[in-house]
C-alpha atoms as a PDB file:
ATOM      1  CA  MET A   1      79.191 120.555 149.387  1.00  0.00           C
ATOM      2  CA  ALA A   2      81.976 118.403 150.637  1.00  0.00           C
ATOM      3  CA  LYS A   3      84.920 120.209 151.341  1.00  0.00           C
ATOM      4  CA  ARG A   4      87.901 119.547 148.924  1.00  0.00           C
ATOM      5  CA  ARG A   5      91.084 118.198 150.303  1.00  0.00           C
ATOM      6  CA  LYS A   6      94.324 119.694 149.167  1.00  0.00           C
ATOM      7  CA  GLU A   7      96.283 117.115 147.351  1.00  0.00           C
ATOM      8  CA  PRO A   8      99.992 117.586 146.396  1.00  0.00           C
ATOM      9  CA  VAL A   9      99.941 118.193 142.556  1.00  0.00           C
ATOM     10  CA  SER A  10     102.248 115.555 140.684  1.00  0.00           C
ATOM     11  CA  THR A  11     103.919 116.060 137.398  1.00  0.00           C
ATOM     12  CA  PRO A  12     104.414 113.666 134.321  1.00  0.00           C
ATOM     13  CA  GLU A  13     107.284 111.088 134.283  1.00  0.00           C
ATOM     14  CA  PRO A  14     109.778 111.495 131.533  1.00  0.00           C
ATOM     15  CA  ALA A  15     108.285 110.246 128.436  1.00  0.00           C
ATOM     16  CA  ARG A  16     109.131 106.411 127.906  1.00  0.00           C
ATOM     17  CA  GLN A  17     107.808 103.924 125.563  1.00  0.00           C
ATOM     18  CA  THR A  18     107.316 100.425 126.707  1.00  0.00           C
ATOM     19  CA  ARG A  19     108.149  98.701 123.491  1.00  0.00           C
ATOM     20  CA  ALA A  20     111.367  97.964 121.966  1.00  0.00           C
ATOM     21  CA  MET A  21     112.854  99.745 119.599  1.00  0.00           C
ATOM     22  CA  ARG A  22     111.597  98.412 115.976  1.00  0.00           C
ATOM     23  CA  PRO A  23     111.649  99.643 112.411  1.00  0.00           C
ATOM     24  CA  GLU A  24     109.216 102.464 111.992  1.00  0.00           C
ATOM     25  CA  LEU A  25     106.581 102.578 109.276  1.00  0.00           C
ATOM     26  CA  VAL A  26     104.793 105.940 108.615  1.00  0.00           C
ATOM     27  CA  VAL A  27     101.404 105.577 106.674  1.00  0.00           C
ATOM     28  CA  ILE A  28     100.463 108.981 105.205  1.00  0.00           C
ATOM     29  CA  THR A  29      96.577 109.286 103.957  1.00  0.00           C
ATOM     30  CA  GLY A  30      93.879 111.891 103.919  1.00  0.00           C
ATOM     31  CA  VAL A  31      91.894 114.120 101.470  1.00  0.00           C
ATOM     32  CA  SER A  32      93.238 114.580  98.072  1.00  0.00           C
ATOM     33  CA  GLY A  33      94.871 117.985  97.902  1.00  0.00           C
ATOM     34  CA  SER A  34      95.770 118.194 101.505  1.00  0.00           C
ATOM     35  CA  GLY A  35      99.627 117.797 101.052  1.00  0.00           C
ATOM     36  CA  LYS A  36     100.442 114.085 101.177  1.00  0.00           C
ATOM     37  CA  ALA A  37     102.850 114.286  98.387  1.00  0.00           C
ATOM     38  CA  THR A  38     104.710 117.115 100.540  1.00  0.00           C
ATOM     39  CA  VAL A  39     104.850 115.171 103.667  1.00  0.00           C
ATOM     40  CA  LEU A  40     106.180 112.155 101.698  1.00  0.00           C
ATOM     41  CA  LYS A  41     109.162 114.289 100.002  1.00  0.00           C
ATOM     42  CA  ALA A  42     109.744 115.683 103.570  1.00  0.00           C
ATOM     43  CA  LEU A  43     110.297 112.160 105.061  1.00  0.00           C
ATOM     44  CA  GLU A  44     112.105 111.052 101.933  1.00  0.00           C
ATOM     45  CA  ASP A  45     114.405 114.057 102.879  1.00  0.00           C
ATOM     46  CA  LEU A  46     114.863 112.504 106.118  1.00  0.00           C
ATOM     47  CA  GLY A  47     116.126 109.470 104.968  1.00  0.00           C
ATOM     48  CA  TYR A  48     112.751 107.511 104.927  1.00  0.00           C
ATOM     49  CA  TYR A  49     112.277 105.032 102.240  1.00  0.00           C
ATOM     50  CA  ALA A  50     109.600 106.572 100.570  1.00  0.00           C
ATOM     51  CA  VAL A  51     106.780 104.805  98.588  1.00  0.00           C
ATOM     52  CA  ASP A  52     103.678 106.540  96.921  1.00  0.00           C
ATOM     53  CA  ASN A  53     100.446 104.806  96.347  1.00  0.00           C
ATOM     54  CA  LEU A  54     101.219 101.298  97.354  1.00  0.00           C
ATOM     55  CA  PRO A  55      98.668  98.894  96.270  1.00  0.00           C
ATOM     56  CA  MET A  56      96.761  97.765  99.171  1.00  0.00           C
ATOM     57  CA  ALA A  57      97.266  94.100  98.398  1.00  0.00           C
ATOM     58  CA  LEU A  58     100.974  94.894  98.962  1.00  0.00           C
ATOM     59  CA  LEU A  59     100.690  96.374 102.431  1.00  0.00           C
ATOM     60  CA  GLU A  60     101.350  93.574 104.629  1.00  0.00           C
ATOM     61  CA  THR A  61     104.128  92.434 102.381  1.00  0.00           C
ATOM     62  CA  PHE A  62     105.809  95.766 102.249  1.00  0.00           C
ATOM     63  CA  ALA A  63     105.565  96.039 106.247  1.00  0.00           C
ATOM     64  CA  GLY A  64     107.039  92.711 106.675  1.00  0.00           C
ATOM     65  CA  LEU A  65     109.969  93.805 104.565  1.00  0.00           C
ATOM     66  CA  VAL A  66     110.524  96.788 106.408  1.00  0.00           C
ATOM     67  CA  LYS A  67     110.570  94.595 109.621  1.00  0.00           C
ATOM     68  CA  GLU A  68     113.208  92.104 108.309  1.00  0.00           C
ATOM     69  CA  SER A  69     115.369  94.519 106.184  1.00  0.00           C
ATOM     70  CA  SER A  70     118.659  95.220 107.405  1.00  0.00           C
ATOM     71  CA  SER A  71     119.068  98.205 104.977  1.00  0.00           C
ATOM     72  CA  ILE A  72     115.336  99.993 105.490  1.00  0.00           C
ATOM     73  CA  ARG A  73     115.475 101.246 108.832  1.00  0.00           C
ATOM     74  CA  ARG A  74     112.455 103.471 108.252  1.00  0.00           C
ATOM     75  CA  ALA A  75     109.968 103.685 105.554  1.00  0.00           C
ATOM     76  CA  ALA A  76     107.160 106.232 104.483  1.00  0.00           C
ATOM     77  CA  LEU A  77     103.976 105.393 102.111  1.00  0.00           C
ATOM     78  CA  VAL A  78     100.980 106.917 100.974  1.00  0.00           C
ATOM     79  CA  VAL A  79      97.898 105.197 100.831  1.00  0.00           C
ATOM     80  CA  ASP A  80      94.585 107.198  99.661  1.00  0.00           C
ATOM     81  CA  ILE A  81      91.574 107.428  97.615  1.00  0.00           C
ATOM     82  CA  ARG A  82      93.260 106.200  94.619  1.00  0.00           C
ATOM     83  CA  GLU A  83      92.770 102.505  95.833  1.00  0.00           C
ATOM     84  CA  GLY A  84      89.099 102.364  95.001  1.00  0.00           C
ATOM     85  CA  ASP A  85      86.872 100.135  96.975  1.00  0.00           C
ATOM     86  CA  LEU A  86      89.956  98.365  98.038  1.00  0.00           C
ATOM     87  CA  LEU A  87      90.513 101.335 100.668  1.00  0.00           C
ATOM     88  CA  SER A  88      87.692  99.687 102.876  1.00  0.00           C
ATOM     89  CA  ARG A  89      90.225  96.855 103.559  1.00  0.00           C
ATOM     90  CA  PHE A  90      92.779  99.659 105.127  1.00  0.00           C
ATOM     91  CA  PRO A  91      91.627  99.511 108.615  1.00  0.00           C
ATOM     92  CA  GLU A  92      91.922  95.748 109.193  1.00  0.00           C
ATOM     93  CA  ASN A  93      94.880  95.628 107.234  1.00  0.00           C
ATOM     94  CA  TYR A  94      96.591  98.249 109.128  1.00  0.00           C
ATOM     95  CA  SER A  95      95.631  96.493 112.654  1.00  0.00           C
ATOM     96  CA  ARG A  96      97.597  93.540 111.472  1.00  0.00           C
ATOM     97  CA  ILE A  97     100.683  95.720 110.575  1.00  0.00           C
ATOM     98  CA  ARG A  98     100.643  97.192 113.844  1.00  0.00           C
ATOM     99  CA  SER A  99     101.417  94.264 115.659  1.00  0.00           C
ATOM    100  CA  MET A 100     104.356  93.467 113.132  1.00  0.00           C
ATOM    101  CA  LEU A 101     106.364  96.755 113.870  1.00  0.00           C
ATOM    102  CA  ARG A 102     106.008 100.169 114.924  1.00  0.00           C
ATOM    103  CA  THR A 103     103.810 102.449 113.013  1.00  0.00           C
ATOM    104  CA  CYS A 104     102.370 105.944 112.851  1.00  0.00           C
ATOM    105  CA  LEU A 105      99.311 106.650 110.790  1.00  0.00           C
ATOM    106  CA  LEU A 106      99.356 110.383 109.693  1.00  0.00           C
ATOM    107  CA  PHE A 107      96.031 112.020 108.351  1.00  0.00           C
ATOM    108  CA  LEU A 108      95.978 115.292 106.450  1.00  0.00           C
ATOM    109  CA  ASP A 109      92.997 117.340 106.046  1.00  0.00           C
ATOM    110  CA  ALA A 110      92.203 120.747 104.964  1.00  0.00           C
ATOM    111  CA  ALA A 111      88.820 123.196 104.799  1.00  0.00           C
ATOM    112  CA  ASP A 112      86.945 122.499 101.536  1.00  0.00           C
ATOM    113  CA  GLU A 113      87.371 126.276 100.408  1.00  0.00           C
ATOM    114  CA  SER A 114      91.301 125.694 100.748  1.00  0.00           C
ATOM    115  CA  LEU A 115      91.048 122.301  98.814  1.00  0.00           C
ATOM    116  CA  LEU A 116      89.003 123.749  96.060  1.00  0.00           C
ATOM    117  CA  ARG A 117      91.453 126.991  95.658  1.00  0.00           C
ATOM    118  CA  ARG A 118      94.203 124.235  95.407  1.00  0.00           C
ATOM    119  CA  PHE A 119      92.646 122.125  92.705  1.00  0.00           C
ATOM    120  CA  SER A 120      91.738 125.486  90.765  1.00  0.00           C
ATOM    121  CA  GLU A 121      95.433 126.430  91.162  1.00  0.00           C
ATOM    122  CA  THR A 122      96.844 123.187  89.861  1.00  0.00           C
ATOM    123  CA  ARG A 123      94.237 122.336  87.304  1.00  0.00           C
ATOM    124  CA  ARG A 124      94.167 118.902  88.353  1.00  0.00           C
ATOM    125  CA  PRO A 125      91.044 116.683  88.522  1.00  0.00           C
ATOM    126  CA  HIS A 126      89.943 115.096  91.680  1.00  0.00           C
ATOM    127  CA  PRO A 127      90.939 111.372  91.603  1.00  0.00           C
ATOM    128  CA  LEU A 128      86.884 110.572  92.293  1.00  0.00           C
ATOM    129  CA  GLY A 129      85.953 112.596  89.220  1.00  0.00           C
ATOM    130  CA  ARG A 130      82.289 113.392  90.409  1.00  0.00           C
ATOM    131  CA  GLU A 131      80.316 116.481  88.782  1.00  0.00           C
ATOM    132  CA  SER A 132      82.128 118.796  90.673  1.00  0.00           C
ATOM    133  CA  VAL A 133      85.241 119.140  92.641  1.00  0.00           C
ATOM    134  CA  LEU A 134      83.151 119.731  95.952  1.00  0.00           C
ATOM    135  CA  ALA A 135      81.257 116.638  95.421  1.00  0.00           C
ATOM    136  CA  SER A 136      84.249 114.638  95.132  1.00  0.00           C
ATOM    137  CA  VAL A 137      85.881 115.990  97.911  1.00  0.00           C
ATOM    138  CA  GLN A 138      82.744 115.484 100.306  1.00  0.00           C
ATOM    139  CA  ALA A 139      82.462 112.164  98.756  1.00  0.00           C
ATOM    140  CA  GLU A 140      86.301 111.335  99.503  1.00  0.00           C
ATOM    141  CA  ARG A 141      86.012 112.854 103.061  1.00  0.00           C
ATOM    142  CA  LYS A 142      83.143 110.617 104.088  1.00  0.00           C
ATOM    143  CA  GLN A 143      84.928 107.491 102.470  1.00  0.00           C
ATOM    144  CA  LEU A 144      87.945 108.086 104.633  1.00  0.00           C
ATOM    145  CA  GLU A 145      86.010 108.809 107.737  1.00  0.00           C
ATOM    146  CA  PRO A 146      86.890 105.234 109.470  1.00  0.00           C
ATOM    147  CA  ILE A 147      90.485 105.998 108.638  1.00  0.00           C
ATOM    148  CA  ARG A 148      90.650 109.163 110.152  1.00  0.00           C
ATOM    149  CA  ASP A 149      89.354 108.032 113.323  1.00  0.00           C
ATOM    150  CA  MET A 150      92.314 105.656 113.634  1.00  0.00           C
ATOM    151  CA  ALA A 151      95.006 108.340 113.071  1.00  0.00           C
ATOM    152  CA  ASP A 152      97.719 109.024 115.364  1.00  0.00           C
ATOM    153  CA  GLN A 153      97.998 112.586 114.170  1.00  0.00           C
ATOM    154  CA  VAL A 154      95.712 114.790 112.267  1.00  0.00           C
ATOM    155  CA  ILE A 155      97.216 117.639 110.433  1.00  0.00           C
ATOM    156  CA  VAL A 156      95.152 120.208 109.013  1.00  0.00           C
ATOM    157  CA  THR A 157      96.862 122.049 106.315  1.00  0.00           C
ATOM    158  CA  SER A 158      94.549 124.844 105.389  1.00  0.00           C
ATOM    159  CA  GLU A 159      96.506 127.779 106.685  1.00  0.00           C
ATOM    160  CA  LEU A 160      99.992 126.066 105.783  1.00  0.00           C
ATOM    161  CA  THR A 161     102.029 126.721 102.991  1.00  0.00           C
ATOM    162  CA  SER A 162     104.168 123.651 101.624  1.00  0.00           C
ATOM    163  CA  ALA A 163     107.306 125.110 103.394  1.00  0.00           C
ATOM    164  CA  GLN A 164     105.629 125.552 106.608  1.00  0.00           C
ATOM    165  CA  LEU A 165     104.155 121.731 106.475  1.00  0.00           C
ATOM    166  CA  ARG A 166     107.710 120.400 105.538  1.00  0.00           C
ATOM    167  CA  LYS A 167     108.957 122.313 108.675  1.00  0.00           C
ATOM    168  CA  MET A 168     106.527 120.718 110.591  1.00  0.00           C
ATOM    169  CA  ILE A 169     107.357 117.289 109.578  1.00  0.00           C
ATOM    170  CA  GLY A 170     111.024 117.938 110.063  1.00  0.00           C
ATOM    171  CA  GLU A 171     110.329 119.214 113.619  1.00  0.00           C
ATOM    172  CA  THR A 172     108.316 116.063 114.435  1.00  0.00           C
ATOM    173  CA  PHE A 173     110.320 113.319 112.948  1.00  0.00           C
ATOM    174  CA  SER A 174     114.152 114.603 112.683  1.00  0.00           C
ATOM    175  CA  ALA A 175     115.432 115.345 116.257  1.00  0.00           C
ATOM    176  CA  LEU A 176     113.244 112.896 118.148  1.00  0.00           C
ATOM    177  CA  ASN A 177     114.228 109.681 119.485  1.00  0.00           C
ATOM    178  CA  ASP A 178     112.168 106.439 118.699  1.00  0.00           C
ATOM    179  CA  THR A 179     110.591 106.252 122.508  1.00  0.00           C
ATOM    180  CA  ALA A 180     109.221 109.716 122.622  1.00  0.00           C
ATOM    181  CA  LEU A 181     105.610 111.042 122.912  1.00  0.00           C
ATOM    182  CA  ARG A 182     105.499 113.949 120.558  1.00  0.00           C
ATOM    183  CA  VAL A 183     103.263 116.740 122.194  1.00  0.00           C
ATOM    184  CA  ALA A 184     101.895 119.725 120.003  1.00  0.00           C
ATOM    185  CA  VAL A 185     100.515 122.528 122.229  1.00  0.00           C
ATOM    186  CA  ILE A 186      98.102 125.058 120.292  1.00  0.00           C
ATOM    187  CA  SER A 187      96.329 128.258 121.071  1.00  0.00           C
ATOM    188  CA  PHE A 188      93.268 129.158 119.236  1.00  0.00           C
ATOM    189  CA  GLY A 189      90.321 131.534 119.303  1.00  0.00           C
ATOM    190  CA  PHE A 190      87.019 129.795 119.681  1.00  0.00           C
ATOM    191  CA  ARG A 191      85.760 132.660 117.013  1.00  0.00           C
ATOM    192  CA  HIS A 192      87.824 130.991 114.604  1.00  0.00           C
ATOM    193  CA  GLY A 193      86.793 127.335 115.405  1.00  0.00           C
ATOM    194  CA  VAL A 194      88.460 124.728 117.313  1.00  0.00           C
ATOM    195  CA  PRO A 195      91.496 122.976 115.821  1.00  0.00           C
ATOM    196  CA  GLN A 196      90.291 119.720 114.051  1.00  0.00           C
ATOM    197  CA  GLU A 197      93.849 118.105 114.957  1.00  0.00           C
ATOM    198  CA  SER A 198      92.990 118.487 118.685  1.00  0.00           C
ATOM    199  CA  ASP A 199      93.182 115.574 120.983  1.00  0.00           C
ATOM    200  CA  LEU A 200      92.549 117.562 124.371  1.00  0.00           C
ATOM    201  CA  VAL A 201      90.899 120.931 124.235  1.00  0.00           C
ATOM    202  CA  PHE A 202      90.830 123.133 127.345  1.00  0.00           C
ATOM    203  CA  ASP A 203      88.507 126.392 127.167  1.00  0.00           C
ATOM    204  CA  VAL A 204      90.011 129.248 129.366  1.00  0.00           C
ATOM    205  CA  ARG A 205      87.537 132.057 128.504  1.00  0.00           C
ATOM    206  CA  PHE A 206      86.215 131.890 132.184  1.00  0.00           C
ATOM    207  CA  LEU A 207      89.547 133.854 132.999  1.00  0.00           C
ATOM    208  CA  PRO A 208      89.518 137.546 132.926  1.00  0.00           C
ATOM    209  CA  ASN A 209      90.030 139.004 129.564  1.00  0.00           C
ATOM    210  CA  PRO A 210      93.284 141.182 129.070  1.00  0.00           C
ATOM    211  CA  ASN A 211      91.530 142.430 125.530  1.00  0.00           C
ATOM    212  CA  TYR A 212      89.238 144.738 127.763  1.00  0.00           C
ATOM    213  CA  VAL A 213      92.464 146.423 129.387  1.00  0.00           C
ATOM    214  CA  PRO A 214      93.534 149.058 126.939  1.00  0.00           C
ATOM    215  CA  GLU A 215      97.359 148.814 127.857  1.00  0.00           C
ATOM    216  CA  PHE A 216      97.205 145.086 126.705  1.00  0.00           C
ATOM    217  CA  LYS A 217      94.638 144.921 123.870  1.00  0.00           C
ATOM    218  CA  ALA A 218      97.391 145.555 121.084  1.00  0.00           C
ATOM    219  CA  LEU A 219      99.635 142.853 122.989  1.00  0.00           C
ATOM    220  CA  SER A 220      99.698 139.245 123.001  1.00  0.00           C
ATOM    221  CA  GLY A 221      99.873 136.494 125.739  1.00  0.00           C
ATOM    222  CA  LYS A 222     103.356 136.176 125.116  1.00  0.00           C
ATOM    223  CA  ASN A 223     104.081 139.436 126.395  1.00  0.00           C
ATOM    224  CA  PRO A 224     105.421 139.286 130.130  1.00  0.00           C
ATOM    225  CA  ARG A 225     103.242 142.147 131.339  1.00  0.00           C
ATOM    226  CA  VAL A 226      99.916 140.171 129.763  1.00  0.00           C
ATOM    227  CA  ALA A 227     101.105 136.925 131.129  1.00  0.00           C
ATOM    228  CA  ARG A 228     101.597 138.305 134.522  1.00  0.00           C
ATOM    229  CA  TYR A 229      98.205 139.825 134.407  1.00  0.00           C
ATOM    230  CA  VAL A 230      96.611 136.462 133.553  1.00  0.00           C
ATOM    231  CA  ARG A 231      98.598 134.703 136.111  1.00  0.00           C
ATOM    232  CA  SER A 232      97.494 137.185 138.879  1.00  0.00           C
ATOM    233  CA  PHE A 233      94.187 135.529 139.161  1.00  0.00           C
ATOM    234  CA  PRO A 234      93.979 132.691 141.495  1.00  0.00           C
ATOM    235  CA  GLN A 235      92.011 130.466 139.263  1.00  0.00           C
ATOM    236  CA  THR A 236      94.761 130.831 136.809  1.00  0.00           C
ATOM    237  CA  GLY A 237      97.169 129.099 139.260  1.00  0.00           C
ATOM    238  CA  GLU A 238      94.350 126.302 140.288  1.00  0.00           C
ATOM    239  CA  PHE A 239      93.410 125.875 136.257  1.00  0.00           C
ATOM    240  CA  LEU A 240      96.991 125.280 135.780  1.00  0.00           C
ATOM    241  CA  LYS A 241      97.393 122.765 138.800  1.00  0.00           C
ATOM    242  CA  ARG A 242      94.433 120.825 137.924  1.00  0.00           C
ATOM    243  CA  VAL A 243      95.418 120.321 134.075  1.00  0.00           C
ATOM    244  CA  GLN A 244      99.110 119.531 135.099  1.00  0.00           C
ATOM    245  CA  ALA A 245      97.737 116.846 137.439  1.00  0.00           C
ATOM    246  CA  LEU A 246      95.252 115.707 134.556  1.00  0.00           C
ATOM    247  CA  LEU A 247      98.394 115.301 132.276  1.00  0.00           C
ATOM    248  CA  ALA A 248     100.356 113.645 134.836  1.00  0.00           C
ATOM    249  CA  PHE A 249      97.730 111.013 134.700  1.00  0.00           C
ATOM    250  CA  LEU A 250      97.101 110.810 131.226  1.00  0.00           C
ATOM    251  CA  LEU A 251     100.530 111.056 129.481  1.00  0.00           C
ATOM    252  CA  PRO A 252     102.145 107.976 130.829  1.00  0.00           C
ATOM    253  CA  HIS A 253      99.027 105.938 130.004  1.00  0.00           C
ATOM    254  CA  PHE A 254      99.051 107.360 126.512  1.00  0.00           C
ATOM    255  CA  VAL A 255     102.861 106.021 126.254  1.00  0.00           C
ATOM    256  CA  ALA A 256     102.196 102.617 127.442  1.00  0.00           C
ATOM    257  CA  GLU A 257      99.509 102.010 125.069  1.00  0.00           C
ATOM    258  CA  GLY A 258     102.055 103.166 122.287  1.00  0.00           C
ATOM    259  CA  LYS A 259     100.642 106.678 121.415  1.00  0.00           C
ATOM    260  CA  THR A 260     103.039 108.541 119.856  1.00  0.00           C
ATOM    261  CA  TYR A 261     101.658 112.038 118.859  1.00  0.00           C
ATOM    262  CA  LEU A 262      99.360 114.120 121.305  1.00  0.00           C
ATOM    263  CA  THR A 263      97.643 117.639 120.586  1.00  0.00           C
ATOM    264  CA  ILE A 264      96.679 119.632 123.350  1.00  0.00           C
ATOM    265  CA  ALA A 265      94.684 122.796 122.446  1.00  0.00           C
ATOM    266  CA  PHE A 266      93.896 125.897 124.412  1.00  0.00           C
ATOM    267  CA  GLY A 267      91.130 128.305 123.466  1.00  0.00           C
ATOM    268  CA  CYS A 268      89.839 131.756 124.380  1.00  0.00           C
ATOM    269  CA  THR A 269      87.536 133.950 122.556  1.00  0.00           C
ATOM    270  CA  GLY A 270      90.063 135.531 119.922  1.00  0.00           C
ATOM    271  CA  GLY A 271      93.151 133.266 120.456  1.00  0.00           C
ATOM    272  CA  ARG A 272      95.465 136.225 121.263  1.00  0.00           C
ATOM    273  CA  HIS A 273      95.781 136.619 124.918  1.00  0.00           C
ATOM    274  CA  ARG A 274      94.702 133.823 127.753  1.00  0.00           C
ATOM    275  CA  SER A 275      94.900 130.697 125.538  1.00  0.00           C
ATOM    276  CA  VAL A 276      98.450 131.978 124.013  1.00  0.00           C
ATOM    277  CA  MET A 277      99.767 132.423 127.915  1.00  0.00           C
ATOM    278  CA  MET A 278      98.380 129.281 128.832  1.00  0.00           C
ATOM    279  CA  ALA A 279      99.791 127.447 125.776  1.00  0.00           C
ATOM    280  CA  GLU A 280     103.164 128.662 126.731  1.00  0.00           C
ATOM    281  CA  GLU A 281     102.966 127.798 130.249  1.00  0.00           C
ATOM    282  CA  MET A 282     102.018 124.378 129.612  1.00  0.00           C
ATOM    283  CA  ALA A 283     104.558 123.879 126.894  1.00  0.00           C
ATOM    284  CA  ARG A 284     107.332 124.600 129.387  1.00  0.00           C
ATOM    285  CA  HIS A 285     105.932 122.548 131.966  1.00  0.00           C
ATOM    286  CA  LEU A 286     105.882 119.609 129.618  1.00  0.00           C
ATOM    287  CA  GLN A 287     109.387 120.259 128.374  1.00  0.00           C
ATOM    288  CA  ARG A 288     110.738 120.623 131.926  1.00  0.00           C
ATOM    289  CA  ASN A 289     109.298 116.856 132.317  1.00  0.00           C
ATOM    290  CA  GLY A 290     110.927 115.204 129.223  1.00  0.00           C
ATOM    291  CA  TYR A 291     108.279 115.618 126.639  1.00  0.00           C
ATOM    292  CA  PRO A 292     109.394 116.936 123.182  1.00  0.00           C
ATOM    293  CA  VAL A 293     106.980 119.956 122.397  1.00  0.00           C
ATOM    294  CA  ARG A 294     106.105 121.896 119.375  1.00  0.00           C
ATOM    295  CA  ILE A 295     104.063 124.903 120.264  1.00  0.00           C
ATOM    296  CA  SER A 296     101.939 127.053 117.904  1.00  0.00           C
ATOM    297  CA  HIS A 297      99.605 129.896 118.198  1.00  0.00           C
ATOM    298  CA  ARG A 298      97.096 129.574 115.371  1.00  0.00           C
ATOM    299  CA  ASP A 299      95.272 132.666 115.792  1.00  0.00           C
ATOM    300  CA  ILE A 300      97.759 135.293 117.495  1.00  0.00           C
ATOM    301  CA  GLU A 301      97.935 137.568 114.438  1.00  0.00           C
ATOM    302  CA  LYS A 302      93.796 137.435 113.791  1.00  0.00           C
ATOM    303  CA  GLN A 303      91.656 140.294 114.765  1.00  0.00           C
END
């Protein structure tokens, strides 16, 4: 095996957007019951001109109005399954409006059981009106797959309350400048499933597990003693350097291509120790290098 030469590890340059500042249009879509109305209201509270269920035929016209308007600086709208067969035209239409002004496509999703519970609680029918809510949800998700693949950010709301979702939107859109790449760093446990919204996933189960150290079992990776334990192994430092070098390469290219959101996930077995420590470390590293970061530990309280 060839001997690996040690290379200096670079760090990401501060986030910059190469395109000029332009009016921003946020398009909200996703499965019924996932919280689209909550997101639209949160953006309206932040000063966005909000439109629900804009007809597909008016999408490009509306984008043009936002671009030319002196009074509407930012706008948000919902496009969803209520468009019926016309929804198939969305990918083509959206590609055109992206060339007109700066846009963001948010896709909201949730687990089937969460959606079924929400429809049961509200007693509202599903827009597709199939023989059951579950059949409608599954048919809708299939129909929306091409749009989900285009999304700048996927938000899974299964375990979020309306207040938590509004707070997430506020943190993402209120205090950030128009040129920033928004980075979300998540810790999770593979035992509970990989976060669906992840763009990059790093598996840290190769590191020694603090869960098997009696004094650390009840603690989390946010505890300084647990963090020192995980950091004490040489493979931890090597892993951090390699991931930082990878992000130093990737993030400027994401910015240059106009990507506005990136979700980085670190996973261990249960999501309580190693992944939490790694997520905290990487969030601090990205913040030091000029990236606005939102960090969350999805499974830190789970057993």
